[in-house]
Amino acid sequence: MMGCMIEGVSTPAQVVAQYFAAFGSGDVAAARRLLKDDLKFKGPFDTFDNADDLMKSLGALAPAVKGIQQRKVMVDGEDVATFYDMLTPMGTAPIAEWHHVHDGKIDAINVYFDPRPFAH
């Protein structure tokens, strides 16, 4: 399930799992297909009000991601919280993401992590 798109109706947890699988493998285009065009994103560095701007930012980040180690996923209706470690050349960053899924696509993402190790 993690490596392929599920045909038909997917649960919020499945949609978010597909998103992480796509991004974790460097397939930014597949990740984009799981986002609503008018996605709302908020993180420590950026805020976006559409999926394309987020994908440009993630596309620049993707080459630096050496892996994602998922720690915990919690689901409450259309909300999915994922806690994971992102492995980068700068070290390991513990991250929490809160996704809201509506009609089979992610329409909001809030990301929480300590940005200090990434500040230049």
PDB file of N, CA and C in Angstrom:
ATOM      1  N   MET A   1       0.818  -1.186   0.000  1.00  0.00           N
ATOM      2  CA  MET A   1       0.000   0.000   0.000  1.00  0.00           C
ATOM      3  C   MET A   1       0.861   1.249   0.000  1.00  0.00           C
ATOM      4  N   MET A   2       1.987   1.262   0.703  1.00  0.00           N
ATOM      5  CA  MET A   2       2.790   2.461   0.818  1.00  0.00           C
ATOM      6  C   MET A   2       3.407   2.872  -0.513  1.00  0.00           C
ATOM      7  N   GLY A   3       3.681   1.945  -1.395  1.00  0.00           N
ATOM      8  CA  GLY A   3       4.403   2.288  -2.597  1.00  0.00           C
ATOM      9  C   GLY A   3       3.544   2.515  -3.823  1.00  0.00           C
ATOM     10  N   CYS A   4       2.227   2.388  -3.707  1.00  0.00           N
ATOM     11  CA  CYS A   4       1.403   2.540  -4.889  1.00  0.00           C
ATOM     12  C   CYS A   4       0.149   3.336  -4.559  1.00  0.00           C
ATOM     13  N   MET A   5      -0.450   3.863  -5.585  1.00  0.00           N
ATOM     14  CA  MET A   5      -1.689   4.604  -5.410  1.00  0.00           C
ATOM     15  C   MET A   5      -2.836   3.615  -5.315  1.00  0.00           C
ATOM     16  N   ILE A   6      -3.732   3.846  -4.412  1.00  0.00           N
ATOM     17  CA  ILE A   6      -4.887   2.979  -4.241  1.00  0.00           C
ATOM     18  C   ILE A   6      -6.013   3.529  -5.098  1.00  0.00           C
ATOM     19  N   GLU A   7      -6.554   2.678  -5.951  1.00  0.00           N
ATOM     20  CA  GLU A   7      -7.667   3.089  -6.794  1.00  0.00           C
ATOM     21  C   GLU A   7      -8.931   3.193  -5.951  1.00  0.00           C
ATOM     22  N   GLY A   8      -9.804   4.118  -6.323  1.00  0.00           N
ATOM     23  CA  GLY A   8     -11.061   4.258  -5.601  1.00  0.00           C
ATOM     24  C   GLY A   8     -10.885   5.098  -4.351  1.00  0.00           C
ATOM     25  N   VAL A   9     -11.720   4.860  -3.391  1.00  0.00           N
ATOM     26  CA  VAL A   9     -11.736   5.646  -2.165  1.00  0.00           C
ATOM     27  C   VAL A   9     -10.616   5.191  -1.238  1.00  0.00           C
ATOM     28  N   SER A  10      -9.862   6.156  -0.713  1.00  0.00           N
ATOM     29  CA  SER A  10      -8.815   5.874   0.245  1.00  0.00           C
ATOM     30  C   SER A  10      -9.153   6.547   1.561  1.00  0.00           C
ATOM     31  N   THR A  11      -8.781   5.934   2.660  1.00  0.00           N
ATOM     32  CA  THR A  11      -8.973   6.549   3.962  1.00  0.00           C
ATOM     33  C   THR A  11      -7.964   7.689   4.125  1.00  0.00           C
ATOM     34  N   PRO A  12      -8.212   8.624   5.040  1.00  0.00           N
ATOM     35  CA  PRO A  12      -7.222   9.679   5.292  1.00  0.00           C
ATOM     36  C   PRO A  12      -5.836   9.110   5.620  1.00  0.00           C
ATOM     37  N   ALA A  13      -5.782   8.049   6.418  1.00  0.00           N
ATOM     38  CA  ALA A  13      -4.488   7.454   6.760  1.00  0.00           C
ATOM     39  C   ALA A  13      -3.786   6.914   5.515  1.00  0.00           C
ATOM     40  N   GLN A  14      -4.533   6.309   4.597  1.00  0.00           N
ATOM     41  CA  GLN A  14      -3.943   5.783   3.359  1.00  0.00           C
ATOM     42  C   GLN A  14      -3.430   6.915   2.473  1.00  0.00           C
ATOM     43  N   VAL A  15      -4.183   8.007   2.389  1.00  0.00           N
ATOM     44  CA  VAL A  15      -3.760   9.153   1.569  1.00  0.00           C
ATOM     45  C   VAL A  15      -2.444   9.710   2.100  1.00  0.00           C
ATOM     46  N   VAL A  16      -2.359   9.896   3.416  1.00  0.00           N
ATOM     47  CA  VAL A  16      -1.136  10.440   4.012  1.00  0.00           C
ATOM     48  C   VAL A  16       0.023   9.450   3.861  1.00  0.00           C
ATOM     49  N   ALA A  17      -0.228   8.158   4.007  1.00  0.00           N
ATOM     50  CA  ALA A  17       0.820   7.155   3.804  1.00  0.00           C
ATOM     51  C   ALA A  17       1.344   7.211   2.375  1.00  0.00           C
ATOM     52  N   GLN A  18       0.449   7.375   1.410  1.00  0.00           N
ATOM     53  CA  GLN A  18       0.858   7.479   0.004  1.00  0.00           C
ATOM     54  C   GLN A  18       1.701   8.739  -0.211  1.00  0.00           C
ATOM     55  N   TYR A  19       1.308   9.842   0.426  1.00  0.00           N
ATOM     56  CA  TYR A  19       2.043  11.100   0.320  1.00  0.00           C
ATOM     57  C   TYR A  19       3.469  10.918   0.848  1.00  0.00           C
ATOM     58  N   PHE A  20       3.617  10.318   2.035  1.00  0.00           N
ATOM     59  CA  PHE A  20       4.944  10.098   2.607  1.00  0.00           C
ATOM     60  C   PHE A  20       5.764   9.140   1.751  1.00  0.00           C
ATOM     61  N   ALA A  21       5.144   8.095   1.232  1.00  0.00           N
ATOM     62  CA  ALA A  21       5.864   7.144   0.382  1.00  0.00           C
ATOM     63  C   ALA A  21       6.387   7.842  -0.867  1.00  0.00           C
ATOM     64  N   ALA A  22       5.559   8.691  -1.461  1.00  0.00           N
ATOM     65  CA  ALA A  22       5.974   9.400  -2.676  1.00  0.00           C
ATOM     66  C   ALA A  22       7.108  10.371  -2.377  1.00  0.00           C
ATOM     67  N   PHE A  23       6.923  11.204  -1.348  1.00  0.00           N
ATOM     68  CA  PHE A  23       7.966  12.181  -1.025  1.00  0.00           C
ATOM     69  C   PHE A  23       9.244  11.491  -0.569  1.00  0.00           C
ATOM     70  N   GLY A  24       9.118  10.466   0.255  1.00  0.00           N
ATOM     71  CA  GLY A  24      10.283   9.746   0.761  1.00  0.00           C
ATOM     72  C   GLY A  24      11.102   9.082  -0.329  1.00  0.00           C
ATOM     73  N   SER A  25      10.444   8.729  -1.445  1.00  0.00           N
ATOM     74  CA  SER A  25      11.159   8.112  -2.566  1.00  0.00           C
ATOM     75  C   SER A  25      11.629   9.146  -3.591  1.00  0.00           C
ATOM     76  N   GLY A  26      11.351  10.432  -3.319  1.00  0.00           N
ATOM     77  CA  GLY A  26      11.761  11.492  -4.233  1.00  0.00           C
ATOM     78  C   GLY A  26      10.792  11.741  -5.365  1.00  0.00           C
ATOM     79  N   ASP A  27       9.611  11.116  -5.346  1.00  0.00           N
ATOM     80  CA  ASP A  27       8.624  11.281  -6.411  1.00  0.00           C
ATOM     81  C   ASP A  27       7.692  12.454  -6.067  1.00  0.00           C
ATOM     82  N   VAL A  28       8.184  13.660  -6.311  1.00  0.00           N
ATOM     83  CA  VAL A  28       7.444  14.877  -5.970  1.00  0.00           C
ATOM     84  C   VAL A  28       6.147  14.966  -6.775  1.00  0.00           C
ATOM     85  N   ALA A  29       6.148  14.500  -8.010  1.00  0.00           N
ATOM     86  CA  ALA A  29       4.938  14.547  -8.842  1.00  0.00           C
ATOM     87  C   ALA A  29       3.830  13.680  -8.244  1.00  0.00           C
ATOM     88  N   ALA A  30       4.178  12.498  -7.766  1.00  0.00           N
ATOM     89  CA  ALA A  30       3.172  11.630  -7.141  1.00  0.00           C
ATOM     90  C   ALA A  30       2.659  12.250  -5.850  1.00  0.00           C
ATOM     91  N   ALA A  31       3.543  12.878  -5.088  1.00  0.00           N
ATOM     92  CA  ALA A  31       3.108  13.562  -3.863  1.00  0.00           C
ATOM     93  C   ALA A  31       2.133  14.687  -4.209  1.00  0.00           C
ATOM     94  N   ARG A  32       2.421  15.421  -5.275  1.00  0.00           N
ATOM     95  CA  ARG A  32       1.562  16.550  -5.674  1.00  0.00           C
ATOM     96  C   ARG A  32       0.150  16.091  -6.017  1.00  0.00           C
ATOM     97  N   ARG A  33       0.018  14.929  -6.618  1.00  0.00           N
ATOM     98  CA  ARG A  33      -1.308  14.431  -7.012  1.00  0.00           C
ATOM     99  C   ARG A  33      -2.209  14.160  -5.805  1.00  0.00           C
ATOM    100  N   LEU A  34      -1.634  14.067  -4.622  1.00  0.00           N
ATOM    101  CA  LEU A  34      -2.408  13.794  -3.413  1.00  0.00           C
ATOM    102  C   LEU A  34      -2.821  15.073  -2.682  1.00  0.00           C
ATOM    103  N   LEU A  35      -2.485  16.229  -3.256  1.00  0.00           N
ATOM    104  CA  LEU A  35      -2.781  17.515  -2.624  1.00  0.00           C
ATOM    105  C   LEU A  35      -3.861  18.270  -3.384  1.00  0.00           C
ATOM    106  N   LYS A  36      -4.764  18.915  -2.650  1.00  0.00           N
ATOM    107  CA  LYS A  36      -5.733  19.812  -3.287  1.00  0.00           C
ATOM    108  C   LYS A  36      -4.987  21.036  -3.793  1.00  0.00           C
ATOM    109  N   ASP A  37      -5.456  21.612  -4.891  1.00  0.00           N
ATOM    110  CA  ASP A  37      -4.797  22.778  -5.479  1.00  0.00           C
ATOM    111  C   ASP A  37      -4.696  23.932  -4.485  1.00  0.00           C
ATOM    112  N   ASP A  38      -5.743  24.129  -3.676  1.00  0.00           N
ATOM    113  CA  ASP A  38      -5.776  25.256  -2.738  1.00  0.00           C
ATOM    114  C   ASP A  38      -5.304  24.862  -1.333  1.00  0.00           C
ATOM    115  N   LEU A  39      -4.380  23.913  -1.275  1.00  0.00           N
ATOM    116  CA  LEU A  39      -3.803  23.451  -0.020  1.00  0.00           C
ATOM    117  C   LEU A  39      -3.329  24.618   0.841  1.00  0.00           C
ATOM    118  N   LYS A  40      -3.552  24.512   2.145  1.00  0.00           N
ATOM    119  CA  LYS A  40      -3.026  25.477   3.119  1.00  0.00           C
ATOM    120  C   LYS A  40      -1.885  24.792   3.855  1.00  0.00           C
ATOM    121  N   PHE A  41      -0.701  25.402   3.823  1.00  0.00           N
ATOM    122  CA  PHE A  41       0.481  24.841   4.471  1.00  0.00           C
ATOM    123  C   PHE A  41       1.073  25.869   5.412  1.00  0.00           C
ATOM    124  N   LYS A  42       1.459  25.393   6.614  1.00  0.00           N
ATOM    125  CA  LYS A  42       2.144  26.265   7.565  1.00  0.00           C
ATOM    126  C   LYS A  42       3.249  25.466   8.240  1.00  0.00           C
ATOM    127  N   GLY A  43       4.458  26.024   8.220  1.00  0.00           N
ATOM    128  CA  GLY A  43       5.599  25.398   8.864  1.00  0.00           C
ATOM    129  C   GLY A  43       6.495  26.456   9.481  1.00  0.00           C
ATOM    130  N   PRO A  44       7.607  26.057  10.098  1.00  0.00           N
ATOM    131  CA  PRO A  44       8.496  27.012  10.754  1.00  0.00           C
ATOM    132  C   PRO A  44       9.134  28.030   9.802  1.00  0.00           C
ATOM    133  N   PHE A  45       9.344  27.641   8.547  1.00  0.00           N
ATOM    134  CA  PHE A  45       9.992  28.530   7.592  1.00  0.00           C
ATOM    135  C   PHE A  45       9.027  29.178   6.608  1.00  0.00           C
ATOM    136  N   ASP A  46       8.000  28.454   6.188  1.00  0.00           N
ATOM    137  CA  ASP A  46       7.153  28.902   5.087  1.00  0.00           C
ATOM    138  C   ASP A  46       5.677  28.737   5.398  1.00  0.00           C
ATOM    139  N   THR A  47       4.887  29.552   4.710  1.00  0.00           N
ATOM    140  CA  THR A  47       3.428  29.423   4.694  1.00  0.00           C
ATOM    141  C   THR A  47       3.015  29.526   3.232  1.00  0.00           C
ATOM    142  N   PHE A  48       2.180  28.589   2.773  1.00  0.00           N
ATOM    143  CA  PHE A  48       1.719  28.590   1.393  1.00  0.00           C
ATOM    144  C   PHE A  48       0.212  28.448   1.365  1.00  0.00           C
ATOM    145  N   ASP A  49      -0.414  28.989   0.312  1.00  0.00           N
ATOM    146  CA  ASP A  49      -1.861  28.848   0.147  1.00  0.00           C
ATOM    147  C   ASP A  49      -2.215  28.099  -1.130  1.00  0.00           C
ATOM    148  N   ASN A  50      -1.232  27.351  -1.648  1.00  0.00           N
ATOM    149  CA  ASN A  50      -1.510  26.485  -2.796  1.00  0.00           C
ATOM    150  C   ASN A  50      -0.459  25.384  -2.868  1.00  0.00           C
ATOM    151  N   ALA A  51      -0.849  24.287  -3.476  1.00  0.00           N
ATOM    152  CA  ALA A  51       0.007  23.094  -3.518  1.00  0.00           C
ATOM    153  C   ALA A  51       1.249  23.291  -4.381  1.00  0.00           C
ATOM    154  N   ASP A  52       1.138  24.036  -5.454  1.00  0.00           N
ATOM    155  CA  ASP A  52       2.283  24.185  -6.354  1.00  0.00           C
ATOM    156  C   ASP A  52       3.453  24.896  -5.680  1.00  0.00           C
ATOM    157  N   ASP A  53       3.176  25.931  -4.871  1.00  0.00           N
ATOM    158  CA  ASP A  53       4.259  26.610  -4.163  1.00  0.00           C
ATOM    159  C   ASP A  53       4.913  25.689  -3.140  1.00  0.00           C
ATOM    160  N   LEU A  54       4.102  24.886  -2.453  1.00  0.00           N
ATOM    161  CA  LEU A  54       4.674  23.920  -1.516  1.00  0.00           C
ATOM    162  C   LEU A  54       5.566  22.937  -2.254  1.00  0.00           C
ATOM    163  N   MET A  55       5.116  22.443  -3.394  1.00  0.00           N
ATOM    164  CA  MET A  55       5.890  21.444  -4.124  1.00  0.00           C
ATOM    165  C   MET A  55       7.210  22.019  -4.631  1.00  0.00           C
ATOM    166  N   LYS A  56       7.238  23.285  -5.005  1.00  0.00           N
ATOM    167  CA  LYS A  56       8.512  23.910  -5.402  1.00  0.00           C
ATOM    168  C   LYS A  56       9.489  23.875  -4.230  1.00  0.00           C
ATOM    169  N   SER A  57       8.989  24.208  -3.046  1.00  0.00           N
ATOM    170  CA  SER A  57       9.833  24.200  -1.854  1.00  0.00           C
ATOM    171  C   SER A  57      10.297  22.784  -1.516  1.00  0.00           C
ATOM    172  N   LEU A  58       9.378  21.822  -1.561  1.00  0.00           N
ATOM    173  CA  LEU A  58       9.741  20.435  -1.261  1.00  0.00           C
ATOM    174  C   LEU A  58      10.661  19.849  -2.321  1.00  0.00           C
ATOM    175  N   GLY A  59      10.485  20.282  -3.564  1.00  0.00           N
ATOM    176  CA  GLY A  59      11.366  19.815  -4.630  1.00  0.00           C
ATOM    177  C   GLY A  59      12.809  20.207  -4.371  1.00  0.00           C
ATOM    178  N   ALA A  60      13.009  21.394  -3.787  1.00  0.00           N
ATOM    179  CA  ALA A  60      14.363  21.828  -3.438  1.00  0.00           C
ATOM    180  C   ALA A  60      14.899  21.048  -2.236  1.00  0.00           C
ATOM    181  N   LEU A  61      14.006  20.645  -1.336  1.00  0.00           N
ATOM    182  CA  LEU A  61      14.405  19.906  -0.140  1.00  0.00           C
ATOM    183  C   LEU A  61      14.669  18.425  -0.432  1.00  0.00           C
ATOM    184  N   ALA A  62      13.929  17.850  -1.360  1.00  0.00           N
ATOM    185  CA  ALA A  62      13.955  16.398  -1.598  1.00  0.00           C
ATOM    186  C   ALA A  62      15.360  15.817  -1.766  1.00  0.00           C
ATOM    187  N   PRO A  63      16.277  16.460  -2.513  1.00  0.00           N
ATOM    188  CA  PRO A  63      17.607  15.852  -2.665  1.00  0.00           C
ATOM    189  C   PRO A  63      18.383  15.735  -1.346  1.00  0.00           C
ATOM    190  N   ALA A  64      18.053  16.565  -0.352  1.00  0.00           N
ATOM    191  CA  ALA A  64      18.764  16.521   0.929  1.00  0.00           C
ATOM    192  C   ALA A  64      18.184  15.492   1.891  1.00  0.00           C
ATOM    193  N   VAL A  65      17.008  14.958   1.561  1.00  0.00           N
ATOM    194  CA  VAL A  65      16.377  13.977   2.444  1.00  0.00           C
ATOM    195  C   VAL A  65      16.984  12.606   2.157  1.00  0.00           C
ATOM    196  N   LYS A  66      17.633  12.055   3.161  1.00  0.00           N
ATOM    197  CA  LYS A  66      18.276  10.746   3.014  1.00  0.00           C
ATOM    198  C   LYS A  66      17.370   9.611   3.475  1.00  0.00           C
ATOM    199  N   GLY A  67      16.280   9.964   4.127  1.00  0.00           N
ATOM    200  CA  GLY A  67      15.335   8.953   4.573  1.00  0.00           C
ATOM    201  C   GLY A  67      14.370   9.519   5.593  1.00  0.00           C
ATOM    202  N   ILE A  68      13.281   8.807   5.778  1.00  0.00           N
ATOM    203  CA  ILE A  68      12.272   9.161   6.773  1.00  0.00           C
ATOM    204  C   ILE A  68      12.002   7.914   7.604  1.00  0.00           C
ATOM    205  N   GLN A  69      12.125   8.060   8.910  1.00  0.00           N
ATOM    206  CA  GLN A  69      11.829   6.954   9.817  1.00  0.00           C
ATOM    207  C   GLN A  69      10.570   7.313  10.590  1.00  0.00           C
ATOM    208  N   GLN A  70       9.484   6.702  10.205  1.00  0.00           N
ATOM    209  CA  GLN A  70       8.202   6.990  10.837  1.00  0.00           C
ATOM    210  C   GLN A  70       8.175   6.418  12.252  1.00  0.00           C
ATOM    211  N   ARG A  71       7.674   7.219  13.191  1.00  0.00           N
ATOM    212  CA  ARG A  71       7.614   6.814  14.597  1.00  0.00           C
ATOM    213  C   ARG A  71       6.197   6.497  15.048  1.00  0.00           C
ATOM    214  N   LYS A  72       5.232   7.329  14.637  1.00  0.00           N
ATOM    215  CA  LYS A  72       3.855   7.146  15.113  1.00  0.00           C
ATOM    216  C   LYS A  72       2.903   7.863  14.174  1.00  0.00           C
ATOM    217  N   VAL A  73       1.747   7.228  13.935  1.00  0.00           N
ATOM    218  CA  VAL A  73       0.672   7.847  13.156  1.00  0.00           C
ATOM    219  C   VAL A  73      -0.586   7.780  14.017  1.00  0.00           C
ATOM    220  N   MET A  74      -1.272   8.915  14.116  1.00  0.00           N
ATOM    221  CA  MET A  74      -2.515   8.985  14.879  1.00  0.00           C
ATOM    222  C   MET A  74      -3.595   9.557  13.966  1.00  0.00           C
ATOM    223  N   VAL A  75      -4.768   8.918  13.979  1.00  0.00           N
ATOM    224  CA  VAL A  75      -5.851   9.308  13.083  1.00  0.00           C
ATOM    225  C   VAL A  75      -7.083   9.667  13.906  1.00  0.00           C
ATOM    226  N   ASP A  76      -7.708  10.784  13.539  1.00  0.00           N
ATOM    227  CA  ASP A  76      -8.954  11.225  14.152  1.00  0.00           C
ATOM    228  C   ASP A  76      -9.828  11.761  13.026  1.00  0.00           C
ATOM    229  N   GLY A  77     -10.671  10.925  12.467  1.00  0.00           N
ATOM    230  CA  GLY A  77     -11.520  11.352  11.354  1.00  0.00           C
ATOM    231  C   GLY A  77     -10.683  11.705  10.142  1.00  0.00           C
ATOM    232  N   GLU A  78     -10.808  12.964   9.689  1.00  0.00           N
ATOM    233  CA  GLU A  78     -10.061  13.430   8.520  1.00  0.00           C
ATOM    234  C   GLU A  78      -8.685  13.988   8.877  1.00  0.00           C
ATOM    235  N   ASP A  79      -8.331  13.961  10.164  1.00  0.00           N
ATOM    236  CA  ASP A  79      -7.030  14.455  10.625  1.00  0.00           C
ATOM    237  C   ASP A  79      -6.074  13.294  10.852  1.00  0.00           C
ATOM    238  N   VAL A  80      -4.845  13.459  10.334  1.00  0.00           N
ATOM    239  CA  VAL A  80      -3.805  12.443  10.494  1.00  0.00           C
ATOM    240  C   VAL A  80      -2.547  13.156  10.995  1.00  0.00           C
ATOM    241  N   ALA A  81      -2.057  12.737  12.162  1.00  0.00           N
ATOM    242  CA  ALA A  81      -0.815  13.274  12.710  1.00  0.00           C
ATOM    243  C   ALA A  81       0.267  12.218  12.545  1.00  0.00           C
ATOM    244  N   THR A  82       1.388  12.635  11.983  1.00  0.00           N
ATOM    245  CA  THR A  82       2.507  11.724  11.757  1.00  0.00           C
ATOM    246  C   THR A  82       3.745  12.285  12.443  1.00  0.00           C
ATOM    247  N   PHE A  83       4.390  11.443  13.227  1.00  0.00           N
ATOM    248  CA  PHE A  83       5.618  11.810  13.907  1.00  0.00           C
ATOM    249  C   PHE A  83       6.732  10.979  13.286  1.00  0.00           C
ATOM    250  N   TYR A  84       7.810  11.650  12.864  1.00  0.00           N
ATOM    251  CA  TYR A  84       8.878  10.931  12.181  1.00  0.00           C
ATOM    252  C   TYR A  84      10.208  11.641  12.360  1.00  0.00           C
ATOM    253  N   ASP A  85      11.276  10.921  12.038  1.00  0.00           N
ATOM    254  CA  ASP A  85      12.615  11.490  11.985  1.00  0.00           C
ATOM    255  C   ASP A  85      12.995  11.621  10.519  1.00  0.00           C
ATOM    256  N   MET A  86      13.411  12.831  10.127  1.00  0.00           N
ATOM    257  CA  MET A  86      13.893  13.054   8.774  1.00  0.00           C
ATOM    258  C   MET A  86      15.418  13.054   8.821  1.00  0.00           C
ATOM    259  N   LEU A  87      16.013  12.187   8.033  1.00  0.00           N
ATOM    260  CA  LEU A  87      17.464  12.056   7.993  1.00  0.00           C
ATOM    261  C   LEU A  87      18.017  12.948   6.899  1.00  0.00           C
ATOM    262  N   THR A  88      18.939  13.840   7.265  1.00  0.00           N
ATOM    263  CA  THR A  88      19.542  14.772   6.317  1.00  0.00           C
ATOM    264  C   THR A  88      21.055  14.793   6.547  1.00  0.00           C
ATOM    265  N   PRO A  89      21.811  15.376   5.626  1.00  0.00           N
ATOM    266  CA  PRO A  89      23.257  15.503   5.850  1.00  0.00           C
ATOM    267  C   PRO A  89      23.581  16.353   7.086  1.00  0.00           C
ATOM    268  N   MET A  90      22.636  17.204   7.510  1.00  0.00           N
ATOM    269  CA  MET A  90      22.850  18.050   8.684  1.00  0.00           C
ATOM    270  C   MET A  90      22.516  17.317   9.978  1.00  0.00           C
ATOM    271  N   GLY A  91      21.964  16.123   9.874  1.00  0.00           N
ATOM    272  CA  GLY A  91      21.589  15.359  11.051  1.00  0.00           C
ATOM    273  C   GLY A  91      20.151  14.880  10.967  1.00  0.00           C
ATOM    274  N   THR A  92      19.668  14.378  12.073  1.00  0.00           N
ATOM    275  CA  THR A  92      18.302  13.859  12.159  1.00  0.00           C
ATOM    276  C   THR A  92      17.402  14.903  12.782  1.00  0.00           C
ATOM    277  N   ALA A  93      16.271  15.172  12.135  1.00  0.00           N
ATOM    278  CA  ALA A  93      15.322  16.163  12.636  1.00  0.00           C
ATOM    279  C   ALA A  93      14.021  15.473  13.011  1.00  0.00           C
ATOM    280  N   PRO A  94      13.622  15.531  14.292  1.00  0.00           N
ATOM    281  CA  PRO A  94      12.313  15.005  14.675  1.00  0.00           C
ATOM    282  C   PRO A  94      11.227  15.987  14.221  1.00  0.00           C
ATOM    283  N   ILE A  95      10.221  15.466  13.537  1.00  0.00           N
ATOM    284  CA  ILE A  95       9.186  16.318  12.924  1.00  0.00           C
ATOM    285  C   ILE A  95       7.810  15.742  13.228  1.00  0.00           C
ATOM    286  N   ALA A  96       6.851  16.645  13.431  1.00  0.00           N
ATOM    287  CA  ALA A  96       5.444  16.279  13.551  1.00  0.00           C
ATOM    288  C   ALA A  96       4.697  16.986  12.430  1.00  0.00           C
ATOM    289  N   GLU A  97       3.830  16.256  11.732  1.00  0.00           N
ATOM    290  CA  GLU A  97       2.996  16.843  10.677  1.00  0.00           C
ATOM    291  C   GLU A  97       1.545  16.513  10.960  1.00  0.00           C
ATOM    292  N   TRP A  98       0.704  17.514  10.819  1.00  0.00           N
ATOM    293  CA  TRP A  98      -0.739  17.355  10.978  1.00  0.00           C
ATOM    294  C   TRP A  98      -1.364  17.609   9.612  1.00  0.00           C
ATOM    295  N   HIS A  99      -1.943  16.568   9.049  1.00  0.00           N
ATOM    296  CA  HIS A  99      -2.588  16.648   7.735  1.00  0.00           C
ATOM    297  C   HIS A  99      -4.102  16.604   7.918  1.00  0.00           C
ATOM    298  N   HIS A 100      -4.797  17.368   7.113  1.00  0.00           N
ATOM    299  CA  HIS A 100      -6.257  17.246   7.038  1.00  0.00           C
ATOM    300  C   HIS A 100      -6.567  16.749   5.626  1.00  0.00           C
ATOM    301  N   VAL A 101      -7.352  15.673   5.546  1.00  0.00           N
ATOM    302  CA  VAL A 101      -7.691  15.053   4.269  1.00  0.00           C
ATOM    303  C   VAL A 101      -9.183  15.212   4.041  1.00  0.00           C
ATOM    304  N   HIS A 102      -9.546  15.718   2.856  1.00  0.00           N
ATOM    305  CA  HIS A 102     -10.952  15.885   2.511  1.00  0.00           C
ATOM    306  C   HIS A 102     -11.165  15.391   1.083  1.00  0.00           C
ATOM    307  N   ASP A 103     -12.159  14.551   0.899  1.00  0.00           N
ATOM    308  CA  ASP A 103     -12.476  14.004  -0.428  1.00  0.00           C
ATOM    309  C   ASP A 103     -11.268  13.336  -1.083  1.00  0.00           C
ATOM    310  N   GLY A 104     -10.478  12.617  -0.279  1.00  0.00           N
ATOM    311  CA  GLY A 104      -9.383  11.828  -0.828  1.00  0.00           C
ATOM    312  C   GLY A 104      -8.102  12.580  -1.123  1.00  0.00           C
ATOM    313  N   LYS A 105      -8.039  13.867  -0.755  1.00  0.00           N
ATOM    314  CA  LYS A 105      -6.811  14.638  -0.974  1.00  0.00           C
ATOM    315  C   LYS A 105      -6.500  15.476   0.262  1.00  0.00           C
ATOM    316  N   ILE A 106      -5.223  15.756   0.438  1.00  0.00           N
ATOM    317  CA  ILE A 106      -4.775  16.570   1.566  1.00  0.00           C
ATOM    318  C   ILE A 106      -5.068  18.032   1.250  1.00  0.00           C
ATOM    319  N   ASP A 107      -5.813  18.711   2.166  1.00  0.00           N
ATOM    320  CA  ASP A 107      -6.118  20.120   1.931  1.00  0.00           C
ATOM    321  C   ASP A 107      -5.450  21.054   2.934  1.00  0.00           C
ATOM    322  N   ALA A 108      -4.785  20.491   3.958  1.00  0.00           N
ATOM    323  CA  ALA A 108      -4.048  21.324   4.919  1.00  0.00           C
ATOM    324  C   ALA A 108      -2.929  20.497   5.547  1.00  0.00           C
ATOM    325  N   ILE A 109      -1.780  21.156   5.709  1.00  0.00           N
ATOM    326  CA  ILE A 109      -0.633  20.544   6.378  1.00  0.00           C
ATOM    327  C   ILE A 109      -0.037  21.579   7.323  1.00  0.00           C
ATOM    328  N   ASN A 110       0.131  21.179   8.573  1.00  0.00           N
ATOM    329  CA  ASN A 110       0.861  21.978   9.556  1.00  0.00           C
ATOM    330  C   ASN A 110       2.060  21.152   9.995  1.00  0.00           C
ATOM    331  N   VAL A 111       3.263  21.752   9.907  1.00  0.00           N
ATOM    332  CA  VAL A 111       4.495  21.048  10.234  1.00  0.00           C
ATOM    333  C   VAL A 111       5.127  21.716  11.453  1.00  0.00           C
ATOM    334  N   TYR A 112       5.581  20.866  12.400  1.00  0.00           N
ATOM    335  CA  TYR A 112       6.181  21.356  13.623  1.00  0.00           C
ATOM    336  C   TYR A 112       7.540  20.693  13.817  1.00  0.00           C
ATOM    337  N   PHE A 113       8.603  21.522  13.935  1.00  0.00           N
ATOM    338  CA  PHE A 113       9.932  21.023  14.260  1.00  0.00           C
ATOM    339  C   PHE A 113      10.798  22.195  14.682  1.00  0.00           C
ATOM    340  N   ASP A 114      11.925  21.885  15.298  1.00  0.00           N
ATOM    341  CA  ASP A 114      12.884  22.902  15.721  1.00  0.00           C
ATOM    342  C   ASP A 114      13.732  23.283  14.508  1.00  0.00           C
ATOM    343  N   PRO A 115      13.599  24.504  14.005  1.00  0.00           N
ATOM    344  CA  PRO A 115      14.324  24.882  12.782  1.00  0.00           C
ATOM    345  C   PRO A 115      15.772  25.295  13.017  1.00  0.00           C
ATOM    346  N   ARG A 116      16.222  25.398  14.248  1.00  0.00           N
ATOM    347  CA  ARG A 116      17.565  25.907  14.512  1.00  0.00           C
ATOM    348  C   ARG A 116      18.676  25.140  13.800  1.00  0.00           C
ATOM    349  N   PRO A 117      18.662  23.807  13.733  1.00  0.00           N
ATOM    350  CA  PRO A 117      19.749  23.113  13.032  1.00  0.00           C
ATOM    351  C   PRO A 117      19.810  23.432  11.527  1.00  0.00           C
ATOM    352  N   PHE A 118      18.712  23.917  10.958  1.00  0.00           N
ATOM    353  CA  PHE A 118      18.661  24.179   9.520  1.00  0.00           C
ATOM    354  C   PHE A 118      18.968  25.635   9.178  1.00  0.00           C
ATOM    355  N   ALA A 119      19.010  26.506  10.181  1.00  0.00           N
ATOM    356  CA  ALA A 119      19.278  27.925   9.934  1.00  0.00           C
ATOM    357  C   ALA A 119      20.753  28.095   9.563  1.00  0.00           C
ATOM    358  N   HIS A 120      20.997  28.893   8.549  1.00  0.00           N
ATOM    359  CA  HIS A 120      22.380  29.098   8.092  1.00  0.00           C
ATOM    360  C   HIS A 120      22.911  30.391   8.637  1.00  0.00           C
TER     361      HIS A 120
END
